[in-house]
Protein backbone atom coordinates (compact mmCIF):
# COMPACT_ATOMS: atom_id res chain seq x y z
CA VAL A 1 5.53 -23.15 8.08
CA ILE A 2 3.90 -25.00 10.97
CA LEU A 3 0.12 -25.14 11.42
CA ALA A 4 -1.11 -25.07 15.03
CA ASP A 5 -4.62 -26.44 15.64
CA ASN A 6 -5.10 -24.69 18.99
CA PRO A 7 -3.38 -22.15 21.33
CA GLU A 8 -1.78 -24.90 23.45
CA ILE A 9 -0.04 -26.44 20.44
CA ALA A 10 0.98 -22.98 19.22
CA LYS A 11 2.52 -22.21 22.62
CA ALA A 12 4.48 -25.47 22.61
CA ILE A 13 5.79 -24.80 19.09
CA ILE A 14 6.88 -21.27 20.01
CA GLU A 15 8.64 -22.44 23.19
CA THR A 16 10.44 -25.18 21.25
CA LEU A 17 11.66 -22.78 18.57
CA HIS A 18 12.68 -20.17 21.15
CA SER A 19 14.69 -22.80 23.03
CA ALA A 20 16.59 -23.35 19.78
CA GLN A 21 17.11 -19.58 19.51
CA GLN A 22 14.87 -19.33 16.46
CA ASN A 23 12.75 -16.27 15.69
CA VAL A 24 9.01 -16.85 15.28
CA LEU A 25 6.47 -15.02 13.12
CA ILE A 26 2.86 -15.76 14.08
CA GLN A 27 0.16 -15.40 11.44
CA LYS A 28 -3.59 -15.74 11.71
CA PHE A 29 -4.98 -18.88 10.08
CA VAL A 30 -7.78 -17.94 7.68
CA ALA A 31 -9.94 -21.06 7.87
CA GLU A 32 -12.27 -20.16 5.01
CA SER A 33 -9.28 -19.99 2.66
CA LYS A 34 -7.65 -23.25 3.78
CA GLY A 35 -5.53 -24.72 1.02
CA LYS A 36 -6.17 -21.84 -1.39
CA ASP A 37 -4.65 -18.48 -2.15
CA VAL A 38 -4.58 -15.86 -4.90
CA ARG A 39 -1.45 -14.66 -6.67
CA ALA A 40 -1.66 -11.30 -8.45
CA PHE A 41 1.24 -10.34 -10.69
CA VAL A 42 1.77 -6.56 -10.56
CA ILE A 43 3.77 -4.58 -13.10
CA ASN A 44 4.03 -0.80 -12.80
CA ASP A 45 0.93 -0.35 -10.61
CA ARG A 46 -1.18 -2.67 -12.78
CA VAL A 47 -2.28 -6.27 -12.26
CA VAL A 48 -1.39 -8.05 -15.51
CA GLY A 49 -2.51 -11.54 -14.47
CA ALA A 50 -3.97 -13.47 -11.56
CA ILE A 51 -4.37 -17.11 -10.54
CA ARG A 52 -5.93 -19.08 -7.72
CA ARG A 53 -3.65 -21.79 -6.32
CA THR A 54 -5.19 -24.83 -4.66
CA ALA A 55 -3.26 -27.30 -2.49
CA GLN A 56 -3.52 -31.02 -3.15
CA GLY A 57 -4.03 -33.82 -0.62
CA GLN A 58 -3.27 -33.01 3.03
CA GLU A 59 -0.90 -30.16 2.17
CA PHE A 60 -2.32 -26.80 3.31
CA ARG A 61 0.24 -24.72 1.41
CA SER A 62 -0.85 -23.99 -2.14
CA ASN A 63 2.51 -23.16 -3.76
CA VAL A 64 2.76 -24.55 -7.28
CA HIS A 65 6.24 -25.98 -6.61
CA ARG A 66 4.66 -27.99 -3.76
CA GLY A 67 2.14 -29.55 -6.11
CA GLY A 68 -0.56 -26.90 -5.95
CA VAL A 69 -2.85 -26.51 -8.96
CA ALA A 70 -3.11 -23.04 -10.54
CA THR A 71 -6.18 -21.75 -12.40
CA ALA A 72 -6.62 -18.39 -14.11
CA ILE A 73 -9.13 -16.00 -12.54
CA ASP A 74 -10.61 -12.57 -13.14
CA LEU A 75 -9.55 -10.64 -10.07
CA ASP A 76 -12.18 -8.88 -7.99
CA PRO A 77 -11.59 -5.08 -7.93
CA ALA A 78 -11.02 -5.14 -4.14
CA TYR A 79 -8.24 -7.70 -4.54
CA GLU A 80 -6.73 -5.84 -7.49
CA LYS A 81 -6.66 -2.61 -5.48
CA ALA A 82 -5.10 -4.38 -2.48
CA ALA A 83 -2.38 -5.92 -4.66
CA VAL A 84 -1.46 -2.61 -6.31
CA MET A 85 -1.41 -0.75 -2.98
CA ALA A 86 0.80 -3.44 -1.45
CA ALA A 87 3.28 -3.11 -4.32
CA GLN A 88 3.28 0.68 -4.01
CA ILE A 89 3.86 0.57 -0.24
CA MET A 90 6.85 -1.72 -0.75
CA GLY A 91 8.14 0.44 -3.61
CA LEU A 92 8.08 -2.48 -6.07
CA LYS A 93 7.34 -2.05 -9.76
CA VAL A 94 7.37 -5.81 -10.47
CA CYS A 95 6.15 -8.30 -7.87
CA GLY A 96 3.80 -11.12 -7.03
CA VAL A 97 1.26 -10.42 -4.27
CA ASP A 98 -0.17 -13.45 -2.47
CA MET A 99 -3.57 -13.01 -0.81
CA LEU A 100 -6.02 -15.19 1.08
CA GLU A 101 -9.73 -14.89 0.42
CA GLY A 102 -11.02 -14.02 3.87
CA LYS A 103 -14.59 -13.35 4.92
CA ASP A 104 -13.64 -9.68 5.36
CA GLY A 105 -11.95 -9.40 1.99
CA PRO A 106 -8.34 -9.79 0.82
CA GLN A 107 -5.74 -10.81 3.40
CA ILE A 108 -2.23 -10.05 2.12
CA MET A 109 0.19 -12.80 3.10
CA GLU A 110 3.34 -12.19 1.05
CA ILE A 111 4.84 -9.79 -1.47
CA ASN A 112 7.44 -11.50 -3.61
CA SER A 113 9.97 -9.23 -5.33
CA SER A 114 11.19 -12.07 -7.57
CA PRO A 115 8.02 -14.04 -8.44
CA GLY A 116 8.14 -17.14 -10.57
CA LEU A 117 6.59 -17.06 -14.04
CA GLU A 118 6.00 -20.71 -14.90
CA GLY A 119 2.84 -21.20 -12.82
CA ILE A 120 1.02 -18.02 -13.81
CA GLU A 121 2.02 -18.16 -17.48
CA GLY A 122 0.99 -21.81 -17.72
CA ALA A 123 -2.41 -21.18 -16.14
CA THR A 124 -3.29 -17.92 -17.89
CA GLY A 125 -1.57 -18.36 -21.25
CA LEU A 126 -0.29 -14.79 -20.89
CA ASP A 127 3.20 -13.64 -21.81
CA ILE A 128 4.05 -12.18 -18.39
CA ALA A 129 7.79 -12.27 -19.12
CA GLY A 130 7.17 -10.15 -22.21
CA GLU A 131 5.24 -7.63 -20.11
CA VAL A 132 8.19 -7.39 -17.72
CA ILE A 133 10.63 -6.87 -20.61
CA ASP A 134 8.42 -4.18 -22.14
CA PHE A 135 8.24 -2.39 -18.79
CA ILE A 136 12.02 -2.46 -18.37
CA ALA A 137 12.47 -1.11 -21.90
CA ASP A 138 10.06 1.75 -21.18
CA GLN A 139 11.84 2.50 -17.91
CA ALA A 140 15.13 2.84 -19.76
CA LYS A 141 13.54 5.60 -21.85
CA MET A 142 11.93 7.33 -18.86
CA PRO A 143 13.95 6.57 -15.70
CA ASP A 144 12.65 7.53 -12.27
CA ILE A 145 13.68 11.00 -11.12
CA ASP A 146 13.68 12.69 -7.73
CA LEU A 147 10.76 14.99 -8.44
CA ARG A 148 10.95 16.94 -5.17
CA GLN A 149 14.65 17.61 -5.67
CA ARG A 150 14.09 18.79 -9.26
CA LEU A 151 11.19 21.06 -8.30
CA THR A 152 13.03 22.78 -5.46
CA ILE A 153 16.02 23.92 -7.49
CA SER A 154 14.44 27.31 -8.16
CA ARG A 155 14.94 29.57 -5.16
CA GLY A 156 11.73 30.34 -3.27
CA TYR A 157 9.82 27.49 -4.88
CA GLY A 158 8.99 24.09 -3.43
CA VAL A 159 6.48 21.30 -2.89
CA ALA A 160 3.81 21.32 -0.17
CA ASP A 161 0.87 19.18 0.89
CA ILE A 162 -2.11 21.49 1.46
CA PHE A 163 -4.91 20.01 3.55
CA ILE A 164 -8.45 21.38 3.13
CA PRO A 165 -10.35 21.28 6.46
CA GLU A 166 -14.05 21.76 7.15
CA GLY A 167 -15.00 25.41 6.68
CA SER A 168 -12.15 26.19 4.30
CA ALA A 169 -12.85 28.82 1.65
CA PHE A 170 -11.72 26.22 -0.91
CA VAL A 171 -14.57 23.79 -0.12
CA GLY A 172 -17.14 23.74 -2.93
CA LYS A 173 -14.92 25.62 -5.35
CA THR A 174 -13.24 24.31 -8.47
CA ILE A 175 -9.46 24.36 -8.63
CA LEU A 176 -9.78 27.18 -11.16
CA GLU A 177 -11.97 29.22 -8.78
CA THR A 178 -9.39 29.00 -5.97
CA ASN A 179 -7.08 31.24 -8.05
CA LEU A 180 -4.12 29.11 -7.02
CA ARG A 181 -2.55 29.53 -10.45
CA ASP A 182 -2.70 33.31 -10.06
CA GLN A 183 -0.69 32.88 -6.85
CA ASP A 184 1.97 30.90 -8.72
CA VAL A 185 0.79 27.56 -7.28
CA VAL A 186 0.11 24.45 -9.38
CA VAL A 187 -1.84 21.39 -8.14
CA LEU A 188 0.06 18.19 -8.98
CA THR A 189 -2.22 15.62 -7.33
CA LEU A 190 -5.44 15.56 -5.34
CA LYS A 191 -5.88 12.91 -2.63
CA ARG A 192 -9.46 12.14 -1.62
CA ASN A 193 -10.05 9.29 0.82
CA GLU A 194 -8.07 6.37 -0.64
CA SER A 195 -7.96 7.74 -4.20
CA VAL A 196 -5.23 9.86 -5.74
CA ILE A 197 -6.04 11.96 -8.82
CA SER A 198 -2.96 12.97 -10.78
CA ASN A 199 -2.92 16.31 -12.62
CA PRO A 200 -6.56 17.09 -11.68
CA LYS A 201 -8.57 19.22 -14.09
CA SER A 202 -9.24 22.84 -13.23
CA SER A 203 -12.97 22.02 -13.19
CA ARG A 204 -12.54 19.55 -10.30
CA VAL A 205 -14.63 20.63 -7.30
CA LEU A 206 -12.79 20.49 -3.97
CA GLU A 207 -14.23 18.86 -0.85
CA ALA A 208 -13.44 19.01 2.86
CA HIS A 209 -10.57 16.69 3.86
CA ASP A 210 -9.04 16.75 0.37
CA SER A 211 -5.26 16.98 0.26
CA LEU A 212 -3.52 18.86 -2.55
CA LEU A 213 0.09 18.19 -3.46
CA CYS A 214 1.21 21.53 -4.86
CA TYR A 215 4.27 23.08 -6.45
CA GLY A 216 4.79 26.79 -6.34
CA LYS A 217 5.96 29.83 -4.45
CA ILE A 218 6.67 28.76 -0.87
CA GLU A 219 5.68 32.12 0.61
CA ASN A 220 2.19 31.86 -0.91
CA MET A 221 1.71 28.19 -0.02
CA LYS A 222 2.58 28.82 3.65
CA LYS A 223 -0.49 31.05 3.92
CA MET A 224 -2.70 28.18 2.79
CA LEU A 225 -1.42 25.54 5.21
CA HIS A 226 -3.91 24.36 7.82
CA ASP A 227 -3.34 22.16 10.82
CA ARG A 228 -4.63 18.65 10.31
CA PRO A 229 -7.09 17.30 12.90
CA GLU A 230 -5.26 15.84 15.89
CA ARG A 231 -5.37 12.10 16.28
CA LYS A 232 -6.65 10.69 19.54
CA LYS A 233 -3.80 10.12 21.95
CA LYS A 234 -2.92 6.49 22.57
CA ILE A 235 -0.37 7.18 25.29
CA LYS A 236 -1.46 8.16 28.78
CA ASP A 237 -0.46 11.57 30.07
CA LEU A 238 2.68 11.61 32.18
CA PRO A 239 2.27 12.24 35.94
CA GLU A 240 2.76 15.83 37.11
CA THR A 241 5.51 14.77 39.51
CA PRO A 242 8.55 12.93 38.20
CA VAL A 243 8.74 9.19 38.80
CA THR A 244 11.87 8.25 40.72
CA GLU A 245 13.29 4.86 41.61
CA GLY A 246 11.19 3.16 44.25
CA THR A 247 8.13 5.35 43.57
CA THR A 248 4.87 3.63 42.66
CA HIS A 249 1.62 5.03 41.31
CA ALA A 250 -1.81 3.46 41.64
């Protein structure tokens, strides 16, 4: 890791590394978090412990094995949510998520699939290794299964994501009042904004822009599918006439 104080130095470093045929990853320097970072240890979508690591002397990297000092902290909910989401995106059940404390909230720097235990156990006094062992033991009893594959074995049945747009007849109704169950359709999860509600109660009132993950009769679910709102195009429209070699467009 090389710290560049200004764009000119950064450019010189990049050119030097490129001349040696080395790949370069450029990261923003979060000044307000200089010499500090947060490590959240995530097990099975849950933060079981967190520490703040502080660099010593002139070293700007806060890793414990580089002499950084670790202290136990109570993690802010925003940082806890960011750590869990990062682990989920990477498909990791056990990991360490390193974050910087930026002025705009958590800045995820690294997700470690084989995090060390000495630093966080020493600072928190928690038995993190024991938590990992307990999780592995539970997983042996209930291994992951391919849910979609299992649910589509029955002919004519499958899984579908049903989006509820503005003006839908479902808006303002409870799941029970939609009569989905009478149509042989079961709601598995409800996604609202950034939250996912598993096995929602029949009394849950639906809102516009909700997304229902459903299992049931495919023929009936097809009738409920709505087109999602189109995203704004980021690519310019192609010219009406084909572009050939030597042709230029203003």
